[in-house]
Amino acid sequence: MNKLVRFVKEESGATAIEYGLIAAATGLALVAIMPTIKTQLGDIFTSISGGLETGG
């Protein structure tokens, strides 16, 4: 019975699960945002490249 009480009160496993959920949510957010960032960065670098070719 004493082991069961210690197991229920143990929170380190819950903390690891919480960190895992945070990492998963961050990963999903990055996957959702990356296509937009890719397009915007492509446009920026194309603009810079065009400016460099024309001399300003």
Protein backbone atom coordinates (compact mmCIF):
# COMPACT_ATOMS: atom_id res chain seq x y z
CA MET A 1 0.00 0.00 0.00
CA ASN A 2 2.89 2.36 0.82
CA LYS A 3 4.32 1.91 -2.68
CA LEU A 4 0.96 2.76 -4.25
CA VAL A 5 0.74 6.00 -2.25
CA ARG A 6 4.28 7.00 -3.32
CA PHE A 7 3.45 6.17 -6.94
CA VAL A 8 0.33 8.35 -6.89
CA LYS A 9 2.20 11.27 -5.29
CA GLU A 10 5.16 11.03 -7.71
CA GLU A 11 5.08 13.95 -10.15
CA SER A 12 8.28 13.53 -12.18
CA GLY A 13 6.49 11.37 -14.75
CA ALA A 14 3.78 13.99 -15.13
CA THR A 15 6.42 16.66 -15.69
CA ALA A 16 8.06 14.60 -18.43
CA ILE A 17 4.70 14.14 -20.13
CA GLU A 18 4.03 17.88 -19.93
CA TYR A 19 7.38 18.65 -21.55
CA GLY A 20 6.59 16.11 -24.25
CA LEU A 21 3.25 17.77 -24.96
CA ILE A 22 4.89 21.20 -25.13
CA ALA A 23 7.49 19.89 -27.57
CA ALA A 24 4.79 18.27 -29.71
CA ALA A 25 2.72 21.47 -29.79
CA THR A 26 5.79 23.51 -30.74
CA GLY A 27 6.58 21.07 -33.53
CA LEU A 28 3.05 21.22 -34.90
CA ALA A 29 3.09 25.02 -34.81
CA LEU A 30 6.38 25.10 -36.73
CA VAL A 31 5.05 22.68 -39.34
CA ALA A 32 2.01 24.90 -39.81
CA ILE A 33 3.99 28.16 -40.05
CA MET A 34 6.98 27.06 -42.17
CA PRO A 35 5.27 27.20 -45.60
CA THR A 36 4.32 30.84 -45.03
CA ILE A 37 7.80 31.76 -43.80
CA LYS A 38 9.36 29.94 -46.76
CA THR A 39 7.31 31.96 -49.24
CA GLN A 40 8.02 35.26 -47.52
CA LEU A 41 11.75 34.59 -47.26
CA GLY A 42 11.85 33.59 -50.91
CA ASP A 43 10.24 36.89 -51.86
CA ILE A 44 12.68 38.85 -49.69
CA PHE A 45 15.75 37.16 -51.17
CA THR A 46 14.41 37.60 -54.70
CA SER A 47 13.96 41.31 -54.03
CA ILE A 48 17.48 41.61 -52.60
CA SER A 49 18.94 39.71 -55.53
CA GLY A 50 17.14 41.97 -58.01
CA GLY A 51 18.40 45.05 -56.20
CA LEU A 52 21.95 43.82 -56.27
CA GLU A 53 21.79 43.05 -59.99
CA THR A 54 20.53 46.52 -60.87
CA GLY A 55 22.98 48.25 -58.56
CA GLY A 56 20.61 49.67 -56.04
